[in-house]
PDB file of all heavy atoms in Angstrom:
ATOM      1  N   VAL A   1      80.189  87.820  90.200  1.00  0.00           N
ATOM      2  CA  VAL A   1      81.223  87.642  89.334  1.00  0.00           C
ATOM      3  C   VAL A   1      82.092  86.372  89.581  1.00  0.00           C
ATOM      4  O   VAL A   1      82.648  86.453  90.663  1.00  0.00           O
ATOM      5  CB  VAL A   1      82.081  88.908  89.027  1.00  0.00           C
ATOM      6  CG1 VAL A   1      83.400  88.665  88.207  1.00  0.00           C
ATOM      7  CG2 VAL A   1      81.224  89.997  88.280  1.00  0.00           C
ATOM      8  N   TRP A   2      82.303  85.412  88.685  1.00  0.00           N
ATOM      9  CA  TRP A   2      83.123  84.310  88.901  1.00  0.00           C
ATOM     10  C   TRP A   2      84.227  84.219  87.742  1.00  0.00           C
ATOM     11  O   TRP A   2      85.123  83.384  87.845  1.00  0.00           O
ATOM     12  CB  TRP A   2      82.216  83.113  89.057  1.00  0.00           C
ATOM     13  CG  TRP A   2      81.524  82.780  87.913  1.00  0.00           C
ATOM     14  CD1 TRP A   2      80.183  83.036  87.819  1.00  0.00           C
ATOM     15  CD2 TRP A   2      81.770  82.086  86.604  1.00  0.00           C
ATOM     16  NE1 TRP A   2      79.567  82.812  86.522  1.00  0.00           N
ATOM     17  CE2 TRP A   2      80.608  82.037  85.763  1.00  0.00           C
ATOM     18  CE3 TRP A   2      83.005  81.558  86.123  1.00  0.00           C
ATOM     19  CZ2 TRP A   2      80.498  81.562  84.529  1.00  0.00           C
ATOM     20  CZ3 TRP A   2      82.847  80.887  84.878  1.00  0.00           C
ATOM     21  CH2 TRP A   2      81.640  80.982  84.027  1.00  0.00           C
ATOM     22  N   ASP A   3      84.041  85.068  86.809  1.00  0.00           N
ATOM     23  CA  ASP A   3      85.042  85.008  85.528  1.00  0.00           C
ATOM     24  C   ASP A   3      85.675  86.355  85.513  1.00  0.00           C
ATOM     25  O   ASP A   3      84.960  87.424  85.237  1.00  0.00           O
ATOM     26  CB  ASP A   3      84.296  84.649  84.286  1.00  0.00           C
ATOM     27  CG  ASP A   3      85.339  84.405  83.151  1.00  0.00           C
ATOM     28  OD1 ASP A   3      86.219  84.945  83.158  1.00  0.00           O
ATOM     29  OD2 ASP A   3      84.986  83.556  82.283  1.00  0.00           O
ATOM     30  N   LEU A   4      86.865  86.646  85.773  1.00  0.00           N
ATOM     31  CA  LEU A   4      87.559  87.972  85.958  1.00  0.00           C
ATOM     32  C   LEU A   4      88.754  88.088  84.983  1.00  0.00           C
ATOM     33  O   LEU A   4      89.662  87.231  85.032  1.00  0.00           O
ATOM     34  CB  LEU A   4      87.931  88.077  87.391  1.00  0.00           C
ATOM     35  CG  LEU A   4      88.576  89.415  87.829  1.00  0.00           C
ATOM     36  CD1 LEU A   4      87.552  90.712  87.430  1.00  0.00           C
ATOM     37  CD2 LEU A   4      88.974  89.464  89.184  1.00  0.00           C
ATOM     38  N   GLY A   5      88.852  89.150  84.208  1.00  0.00           N
ATOM     39  CA  GLY A   5      89.936  89.483  83.356  1.00  0.00           C
ATOM     40  C   GLY A   5      90.815  90.653  83.935  1.00  0.00           C
ATOM     41  O   GLY A   5      90.280  91.758  84.045  1.00  0.00           O
ATOM     42  N   LEU A   6      92.062  90.301  84.237  1.00  0.00           N
ATOM     43  CA  LEU A   6      92.924  91.396  84.759  1.00  0.00           C
ATOM     44  C   LEU A   6      94.304  91.292  84.061  1.00  0.00           C
ATOM     45  O   LEU A   6      95.259  91.516  84.581  1.00  0.00           O
ATOM     46  CB  LEU A   6      93.192  91.264  86.290  1.00  0.00           C
ATOM     47  CG  LEU A   6      91.923  91.374  87.225  1.00  0.00           C
ATOM     48  CD1 LEU A   6      92.322  91.213  88.697  1.00  0.00           C
ATOM     49  CD2 LEU A   6      91.292  92.753  87.027  1.00  0.00           C
ATOM     50  N   ALA A   7      94.233  91.028  82.721  1.00  0.00           N
ATOM     51  CA  ALA A   7      95.477  90.910  81.927  1.00  0.00           C
ATOM     52  C   ALA A   7      96.041  92.281  81.570  1.00  0.00           C
ATOM     53  O   ALA A   7      95.395  93.384  81.523  1.00  0.00           O
ATOM     54  CB  ALA A   7      95.194  90.324  80.587  1.00  0.00           C
ATOM     55  N   GLN A   8      97.307  92.394  81.541  1.00  0.00           N
ATOM     56  CA  GLN A   8      98.213  93.529  80.981  1.00  0.00           C
ATOM     57  C   GLN A   8      97.757  94.795  81.869  1.00  0.00           C
ATOM     58  O   GLN A   8      97.354  95.844  81.317  1.00  0.00           O
ATOM     59  CB  GLN A   8      97.863  93.816  79.543  1.00  0.00           C
ATOM     60  CG  GLN A   8      98.944  94.624  78.831  1.00  0.00           C
ATOM     61  CD  GLN A   8      98.986  94.589  77.378  1.00  0.00           C
ATOM     62  OE1 GLN A   8      98.397  93.599  76.790  1.00  0.00           O
ATOM     63  NE2 GLN A   8      99.595  95.616  76.743  1.00  0.00           N
ATOM     64  N   MET A   9      97.975  94.644  83.118  1.00  0.00           N
ATOM     65  CA  MET A   9      97.682  95.783  84.057  1.00  0.00           C
ATOM     66  C   MET A   9      98.737  96.104  84.897  1.00  0.00           C
ATOM     67  O   MET A   9      98.716  96.763  85.842  1.00  0.00           O
ATOM     68  CB  MET A   9      96.524  95.514  84.904  1.00  0.00           C
ATOM     69  CG  MET A   9      95.203  95.263  84.074  1.00  0.00           C
ATOM     70  SD  MET A   9      93.663  94.965  85.049  1.00  0.00           S
ATOM     71  CE  MET A   9      93.454  96.649  85.896  1.00  0.00           C
ATOM     72  N   GLN A  10      99.984  95.614  84.557  1.00  0.00           N
ATOM     73  CA  GLN A  10     101.226  95.995  85.274  1.00  0.00           C
ATOM     74  C   GLN A  10     101.252  95.489  86.730  1.00  0.00           C
ATOM     75  O   GLN A  10     101.936  96.132  87.570  1.00  0.00           O
ATOM     76  CB  GLN A  10     101.577  97.522  85.244  1.00  0.00           C
ATOM     77  CG  GLN A  10     101.661  97.928  83.819  1.00  0.00           C
ATOM     78  CD  GLN A  10     102.051  99.475  83.779  1.00  0.00           C
ATOM     79  OE1 GLN A  10     102.125 100.150  84.705  1.00  0.00           O
ATOM     80  NE2 GLN A  10     102.242 100.081  82.496  1.00  0.00           N
ATOM     81  N   ILE A  11     100.460  94.458  86.984  1.00  0.00           N
ATOM     82  CA  ILE A  11     100.512  93.912  88.387  1.00  0.00           C
ATOM     83  C   ILE A  11     101.744  93.141  88.564  1.00  0.00           C
ATOM     84  O   ILE A  11     102.113  92.243  87.806  1.00  0.00           O
ATOM     85  CB  ILE A  11      99.190  92.887  88.501  1.00  0.00           C
ATOM     86  CG1 ILE A  11      97.867  93.695  88.235  1.00  0.00           C
ATOM     87  CG2 ILE A  11      99.298  92.241  89.811  1.00  0.00           C
ATOM     88  CD1 ILE A  11      96.654  92.823  88.146  1.00  0.00           C
ATOM     89  N   GLY A  12     102.367  93.520  89.598  1.00  0.00           N
ATOM     90  CA  GLY A  12     103.732  92.783  90.051  1.00  0.00           C
ATOM     91  C   GLY A  12     103.642  91.893  91.025  1.00  0.00           C
ATOM     92  O   GLY A  12     104.315  90.859  90.996  1.00  0.00           O
ATOM     93  N   SER A  13     102.725  92.106  92.005  1.00  0.00           N
ATOM     94  CA  SER A  13     102.499  91.160  93.197  1.00  0.00           C
ATOM     95  C   SER A  13     101.067  91.168  93.574  1.00  0.00           C
ATOM     96  O   SER A  13     100.324  92.104  93.377  1.00  0.00           O
ATOM     97  CB  SER A  13     103.447  91.414  94.268  1.00  0.00           C
ATOM     98  OG  SER A  13     103.153  92.744  94.816  1.00  0.00           O
ATOM     99  N   LEU A  14     100.553  90.027  94.227  1.00  0.00           N
ATOM    100  CA  LEU A  14      99.309  90.038  94.663  1.00  0.00           C
ATOM    101  C   LEU A  14      99.153  89.708  96.221  1.00  0.00           C
ATOM    102  O   LEU A  14      99.792  88.774  96.578  1.00  0.00           O
ATOM    103  CB  LEU A  14      98.444  88.787  93.899  1.00  0.00           C
ATOM    104  CG  LEU A  14      98.434  89.047  92.430  1.00  0.00           C
ATOM    105  CD1 LEU A  14      97.815  87.645  91.689  1.00  0.00           C
ATOM    106  CD2 LEU A  14      97.309  90.123  92.186  1.00  0.00           C
ATOM    107  N   PRO A  15      98.502  90.408  96.962  1.00  0.00           N
ATOM    108  CA  PRO A  15      98.468  90.152  98.346  1.00  0.00           C
ATOM    109  C   PRO A  15      97.520  88.860  98.602  1.00  0.00           C
ATOM    110  O   PRO A  15      96.667  88.402  97.706  1.00  0.00           O
ATOM    111  CB  PRO A  15      97.716  91.338  98.847  1.00  0.00           C
ATOM    112  CG  PRO A  15      96.973  91.980  97.742  1.00  0.00           C
ATOM    113  CD  PRO A  15      97.765  91.687  96.542  1.00  0.00           C
ATOM    114  N   ALA A  16      97.767  88.227  99.576  1.00  0.00           N
ATOM    115  CA  ALA A  16      96.991  86.990 100.031  1.00  0.00           C
ATOM    116  C   ALA A  16      95.508  87.326 100.265  1.00  0.00           C
ATOM    117  O   ALA A  16      95.152  88.481 100.574  1.00  0.00           O
ATOM    118  CB  ALA A  16      97.501  86.383 101.309  1.00  0.00           C
ATOM    119  N   SER A  17      94.663  86.440  99.727  1.00  0.00           N
ATOM    120  CA  SER A  17      93.198  86.623  99.857  1.00  0.00           C
ATOM    121  C   SER A  17      92.653  87.896  99.185  1.00  0.00           C
ATOM    122  O   SER A  17      91.606  88.431  99.532  1.00  0.00           O
ATOM    123  CB  SER A  17      92.792  86.638 101.260  1.00  0.00           C
ATOM    124  OG  SER A  17      93.321  85.419 101.984  1.00  0.00           O
ATOM    125  N   PHE A  18      93.278  88.310  98.176  1.00  0.00           N
ATOM    126  CA  PHE A  18      92.834  89.463  97.490  1.00  0.00           C
ATOM    127  C   PHE A  18      91.606  89.247  96.668  1.00  0.00           C
ATOM    128  O   PHE A  18      90.568  89.962  96.535  1.00  0.00           O
ATOM    129  CB  PHE A  18      93.840  89.950  96.389  1.00  0.00           C
ATOM    130  CG  PHE A  18      93.443  91.199  95.674  1.00  0.00           C
ATOM    131  CD1 PHE A  18      93.399  92.506  96.121  1.00  0.00           C
ATOM    132  CD2 PHE A  18      92.991  91.006  94.299  1.00  0.00           C
ATOM    133  CE1 PHE A  18      93.002  93.488  95.397  1.00  0.00           C
ATOM    134  CE2 PHE A  18      92.780  91.984  93.466  1.00  0.00           C
ATOM    135  CZ  PHE A  18      92.580  93.303  94.068  1.00  0.00           C
ATOM    136  N   PHE A  19      91.465  88.051  96.123  1.00  0.00           N
ATOM    137  CA  PHE A  19      90.321  87.607  95.232  1.00  0.00           C
ATOM    138  C   PHE A  19      89.268  86.973  96.023  1.00  0.00           C
ATOM    139  O   PHE A  19      89.549  86.227  96.939  1.00  0.00           O
ATOM    140  CB  PHE A  19      90.827  86.635  94.086  1.00  0.00           C
ATOM    141  CG  PHE A  19      91.824  87.314  93.200  1.00  0.00           C
ATOM    142  CD1 PHE A  19      93.054  86.930  93.220  1.00  0.00           C
ATOM    143  CD2 PHE A  19      91.403  88.282  92.246  1.00  0.00           C
ATOM    144  CE1 PHE A  19      94.067  87.431  92.296  1.00  0.00           C
ATOM    145  CE2 PHE A  19      92.260  88.868  91.421  1.00  0.00           C
ATOM    146  CZ  PHE A  19      93.618  88.430  91.486  1.00  0.00           C
ATOM    147  N   PRO A  20      88.042  87.319  95.797  1.00  0.00           N
ATOM    148  CA  PRO A  20      86.814  86.626  96.495  1.00  0.00           C
ATOM    149  C   PRO A  20      86.997  85.120  96.193  1.00  0.00           C
ATOM    150  O   PRO A  20      87.380  84.765  95.020  1.00  0.00           O
ATOM    151  CB  PRO A  20      85.674  87.296  95.853  1.00  0.00           C
ATOM    152  CG  PRO A  20      86.127  88.613  95.286  1.00  0.00           C
ATOM    153  CD  PRO A  20      87.467  88.336  94.902  1.00  0.00           C
ATOM    154  N   GLU A  21      86.426  84.392  97.151  1.00  0.00           N
ATOM    155  CA  GLU A  21      86.542  82.824  96.905  1.00  0.00           C
ATOM    156  C   GLU A  21      85.690  82.393  95.782  1.00  0.00           C
ATOM    157  O   GLU A  21      85.807  81.291  95.384  1.00  0.00           O
ATOM    158  CB  GLU A  21      86.087  82.179  98.296  1.00  0.00           C
ATOM    159  CG  GLU A  21      87.042  82.254  99.393  1.00  0.00           C
ATOM    160  CD  GLU A  21      88.292  81.580  98.917  1.00  0.00           C
ATOM    161  OE1 GLU A  21      88.301  80.449  98.300  1.00  0.00           O
ATOM    162  OE2 GLU A  21      89.434  81.937  99.364  1.00  0.00           O
ATOM    163  N   ARG A  22      84.734  83.288  95.332  1.00  0.00           N
ATOM    164  CA  ARG A  22      83.799  82.734  94.267  1.00  0.00           C
ATOM    165  C   ARG A  22      84.394  82.691  92.842  1.00  0.00           C
ATOM    166  O   ARG A  22      83.947  82.036  91.914  1.00  0.00           O
ATOM    167  CB  ARG A  22      82.583  83.753  94.046  1.00  0.00           C
ATOM    168  CG  ARG A  22      82.911  85.008  93.800  1.00  0.00           C
ATOM    169  CD  ARG A  22      81.727  86.064  93.629  1.00  0.00           C
ATOM    170  NE  ARG A  22      82.162  87.287  93.236  1.00  0.00           N
ATOM    171  CZ  ARG A  22      82.447  88.315  94.004  1.00  0.00           C
ATOM    172  NH1 ARG A  22      82.559  88.150  95.377  1.00  0.00           N
ATOM    173  NH2 ARG A  22      82.817  89.503  93.559  1.00  0.00           N
ATOM    174  N   ILE A  23      85.625  83.344  92.690  1.00  0.00           N
ATOM    175  CA  ILE A  23      86.320  83.452  91.437  1.00  0.00           C
ATOM    176  C   ILE A  23      86.778  81.979  90.952  1.00  0.00           C
ATOM    177  O   ILE A  23      87.419  81.298  91.591  1.00  0.00           O
ATOM    178  CB  ILE A  23      87.483  84.370  91.466  1.00  0.00           C
ATOM    179  CG1 ILE A  23      87.067  85.818  91.797  1.00  0.00           C
ATOM    180  CG2 ILE A  23      88.099  84.403  90.082  1.00  0.00           C
ATOM    181  CD1 ILE A  23      86.155  86.417  90.865  1.00  0.00           C
ATOM    182  N   ARG A  24      86.261  81.620  89.794  1.00  0.00           N
ATOM    183  CA  ARG A  24      86.694  80.283  89.301  1.00  0.00           C
ATOM    184  C   ARG A  24      87.618  80.410  88.075  1.00  0.00           C
ATOM    185  O   ARG A  24      88.219  79.391  87.704  1.00  0.00           O
ATOM    186  CB  ARG A  24      85.323  79.548  88.921  1.00  0.00           C
ATOM    187  CG  ARG A  24      84.578  79.232  90.142  1.00  0.00           C
ATOM    188  CD  ARG A  24      83.614  78.095  89.996  1.00  0.00           C
ATOM    189  NE  ARG A  24      82.751  78.139  88.780  1.00  0.00           N
ATOM    190  CZ  ARG A  24      81.526  78.789  88.865  1.00  0.00           C
ATOM    191  NH1 ARG A  24      81.077  79.270  89.994  1.00  0.00           N
ATOM    192  NH2 ARG A  24      80.859  78.877  87.738  1.00  0.00           N
ATOM    193  N   ARG A  25      87.494  81.521  87.290  1.00  0.00           N
ATOM    194  CA  ARG A  25      88.295  81.761  86.124  1.00  0.00           C
ATOM    195  C   ARG A  25      88.945  83.053  86.169  1.00  0.00           C
ATOM    196  O   ARG A  25      88.363  84.152  86.519  1.00  0.00           O
ATOM    197  CB  ARG A  25      87.410  81.661  84.875  1.00  0.00           C
ATOM    198  CG  ARG A  25      86.668  80.435  84.584  1.00  0.00           C
ATOM    199  CD  ARG A  25      85.691  80.483  83.488  1.00  0.00           C
ATOM    200  NE  ARG A  25      86.354  80.562  82.213  1.00  0.00           N
ATOM    201  CZ  ARG A  25      86.643  79.725  81.312  1.00  0.00           C
ATOM    202  NH1 ARG A  25      86.499  78.472  81.728  1.00  0.00           N
ATOM    203  NH2 ARG A  25      87.159  79.913  80.075  1.00  0.00           N
ATOM    204  N   LEU A  26      90.295  83.057  86.027  1.00  0.00           N
ATOM    205  CA  LEU A  26      91.035  84.175  86.208  1.00  0.00           C
ATOM    206  C   LEU A  26      92.237  84.494  85.201  1.00  0.00           C
ATOM    207  O   LEU A  26      93.023  83.464  84.942  1.00  0.00           O
ATOM    208  CB  LEU A  26      91.665  84.207  87.716  1.00  0.00           C
ATOM    209  CG  LEU A  26      92.492  85.386  88.125  1.00  0.00           C
ATOM    210  CD1 LEU A  26      91.625  86.647  88.124  1.00  0.00           C
ATOM    211  CD2 LEU A  26      93.086  85.064  89.510  1.00  0.00           C
ATOM    212  N   ASN A  27      92.220  85.576  84.554  1.00  0.00           N
ATOM    213  CA  ASN A  27      93.150  85.798  83.483  1.00  0.00           C
ATOM    214  C   ASN A  27      94.131  86.933  84.011  1.00  0.00           C
ATOM    215  O   ASN A  27      93.729  88.127  84.212  1.00  0.00           O
ATOM    216  CB  ASN A  27      92.416  86.479  82.198  1.00  0.00           C
ATOM    217  CG  ASN A  27      93.384  86.613  81.168  1.00  0.00           C
ATOM    218  OD1 ASN A  27      94.621  86.517  81.271  1.00  0.00           O
ATOM    219  ND2 ASN A  27      92.938  87.056  80.015  1.00  0.00           N
ATOM    220  N   LEU A  28      95.243  86.562  84.288  1.00  0.00           N
ATOM    221  CA  LEU A  28      96.378  87.459  84.765  1.00  0.00           C
ATOM    222  C   LEU A  28      97.457  87.557  83.734  1.00  0.00           C
ATOM    223  O   LEU A  28      98.715  87.778  84.132  1.00  0.00           O
ATOM    224  CB  LEU A  28      96.965  86.948  86.141  1.00  0.00           C
ATOM    225  CG  LEU A  28      95.865  87.170  87.231  1.00  0.00           C
ATOM    226  CD1 LEU A  28      96.527  86.491  88.498  1.00  0.00           C
ATOM    227  CD2 LEU A  28      95.723  88.676  87.682  1.00  0.00           C
ATOM    228  N   SER A  29      97.264  87.331  82.552  1.00  0.00           N
ATOM    229  CA  SER A  29      98.305  87.154  81.560  1.00  0.00           C
ATOM    230  C   SER A  29      98.950  88.579  81.288  1.00  0.00           C
ATOM    231  O   SER A  29      98.348  89.662  81.517  1.00  0.00           O
ATOM    232  CB  SER A  29      97.845  86.515  80.267  1.00  0.00           C
ATOM    233  OG  SER A  29      96.649  87.449  79.669  1.00  0.00           O
ATOM    234  N   ARG A  30     100.206  88.581  80.798  1.00  0.00           N
ATOM    235  CA  ARG A  30     100.859  89.828  80.217  1.00  0.00           C
ATOM    236  C   ARG A  30     100.920  90.941  81.414  1.00  0.00           C
ATOM    237  O   ARG A  30     100.779  92.048  81.188  1.00  0.00           O
ATOM    238  CB  ARG A  30     100.142  90.414  79.078  1.00  0.00           C
ATOM    239  CG  ARG A  30     100.204  89.484  77.904  1.00  0.00           C
ATOM    240  CD  ARG A  30      99.568  90.129  76.741  1.00  0.00           C
ATOM    241  NE  ARG A  30      98.242  90.574  76.713  1.00  0.00           N
ATOM    242  CZ  ARG A  30      97.148  89.797  76.733  1.00  0.00           C
ATOM    243  NH1 ARG A  30      97.356  88.503  76.560  1.00  0.00           N
ATOM    244  NH2 ARG A  30      96.018  90.354  76.848  1.00  0.00           N
ATOM    245  N   ASN A  31     101.239  90.356  82.672  1.00  0.00           N
ATOM    246  CA  ASN A  31     101.479  91.317  83.724  1.00  0.00           C
ATOM    247  C   ASN A  31     103.009  91.178  84.164  1.00  0.00           C
ATOM    248  O   ASN A  31     103.862  90.632  83.285  1.00  0.00           O
ATOM    249  CB  ASN A  31     100.620  90.908  84.940  1.00  0.00           C
ATOM    250  CG  ASN A  31      99.249  91.546  84.818  1.00  0.00           C
ATOM    251  OD1 ASN A  31      99.126  92.799  84.767  1.00  0.00           O
ATOM    252  ND2 ASN A  31      98.231  90.811  84.702  1.00  0.00           N
ATOM    253  N   ASN A  32     103.362  91.626  85.355  1.00  0.00           N
ATOM    254  CA  ASN A  32     104.712  91.617  85.759  1.00  0.00           C
ATOM    255  C   ASN A  32     104.962  90.705  86.978  1.00  0.00           C
ATOM    256  O   ASN A  32     105.809  90.903  87.746  1.00  0.00           O
ATOM    257  CB  ASN A  32     105.259  92.982  86.081  1.00  0.00           C
ATOM    258  CG  ASN A  32     105.151  93.939  84.908  1.00  0.00           C
ATOM    259  OD1 ASN A  32     105.312  93.510  83.753  1.00  0.00           O
ATOM    260  ND2 ASN A  32     104.861  95.143  85.232  1.00  0.00           N
ATOM    261  N   ILE A  33     104.116  89.700  87.121  1.00  0.00           N
ATOM    262  CA  ILE A  33     104.232  88.691  88.314  1.00  0.00           C
ATOM    263  C   ILE A  33     105.475  87.830  88.174  1.00  0.00           C
ATOM    264  O   ILE A  33     105.807  87.218  87.179  1.00  0.00           O
ATOM    265  CB  ILE A  33     102.866  87.880  88.334  1.00  0.00           C
ATOM    266  CG1 ILE A  33     101.594  88.727  88.411  1.00  0.00           C
ATOM    267  CG2 ILE A  33     103.085  86.813  89.465  1.00  0.00           C
ATOM    268  CD1 ILE A  33     100.433  87.975  88.234  1.00  0.00           C
ATOM    269  N   THR A  34     106.198  87.943  89.293  1.00  0.00           N
ATOM    270  CA  THR A  34     107.419  87.299  89.436  1.00  0.00           C
ATOM    271  C   THR A  34     107.321  86.046  90.359  1.00  0.00           C
ATOM    272  O   THR A  34     108.284  85.218  90.382  1.00  0.00           O
ATOM    273  CB  THR A  34     108.545  88.063  89.953  1.00  0.00           C
ATOM    274  OG1 THR A  34     108.316  88.669  91.118  1.00  0.00           O
ATOM    275  CG2 THR A  34     108.817  89.262  88.960  1.00  0.00           C
ATOM    276  N   ARG A  35     106.304  85.921  91.114  1.00  0.00           N
ATOM    277  CA  ARG A  35     106.207  84.944  92.218  1.00  0.00           C
ATOM    278  C   ARG A  35     104.749  84.527  92.508  1.00  0.00           C
ATOM    279  O   ARG A  35     103.971  85.595  92.590  1.00  0.00           O
ATOM    280  CB  ARG A  35     106.790  85.393  93.486  1.00  0.00           C
ATOM    281  CG  ARG A  35     106.987  84.473  94.658  1.00  0.00           C
ATOM    282  CD  ARG A  35     107.872  85.121  95.657  1.00  0.00           C
ATOM    283  NE  ARG A  35     107.889  84.365  96.900  1.00  0.00           N
ATOM    284  CZ  ARG A  35     107.025  84.860  97.943  1.00  0.00           C
ATOM    285  NH1 ARG A  35     106.410  85.960  97.902  1.00  0.00           N
ATOM    286  NH2 ARG A  35     107.083  84.056  99.092  1.00  0.00           N
ATOM    287  N   ILE A  36     104.486  83.405  92.695  1.00  0.00           N
ATOM    288  CA  ILE A  36     103.058  82.958  93.042  1.00  0.00           C
ATOM    289  C   ILE A  36     103.155  82.067  94.250  1.00  0.00           C
ATOM    290  O   ILE A  36     103.934  81.161  94.491  1.00  0.00           O
ATOM    291  CB  ILE A  36     102.306  82.327  91.880  1.00  0.00           C
ATOM    292  CG1 ILE A  36     102.965  80.992  91.401  1.00  0.00           C
ATOM    293  CG2 ILE A  36     102.134  83.258  90.699  1.00  0.00           C
ATOM    294  CD1 ILE A  36     102.113  80.240  90.557  1.00  0.00           C
ATOM    295  N   LEU A  37     102.159  82.228  94.999  1.00  0.00           N
ATOM    296  CA  LEU A  37     101.907  81.342  96.248  1.00  0.00           C
ATOM    297  C   LEU A  37     100.415  80.892  96.215  1.00  0.00           C
ATOM    298  O   LEU A  37      99.551  81.746  95.723  1.00  0.00           O
ATOM    299  CB  LEU A  37     102.176  82.109  97.472  1.00  0.00           C
ATOM    300  CG  LEU A  37     103.668  82.458  97.729  1.00  0.00           C
ATOM    301  CD1 LEU A  37     103.861  83.318  98.939  1.00  0.00           C
ATOM    302  CD2 LEU A  37     104.658  81.342  97.738  1.00  0.00           C
TER     303      LEU A  37
END
């Protein structure tokens, strides 16, 4: 899987290296993310 949809899942924060390196398209819309690194 290289195209992943995780929209509107109440995600507030993401740990480092959570996603596999193969992911090229990522939908994180409509979540609760306040900070990105």
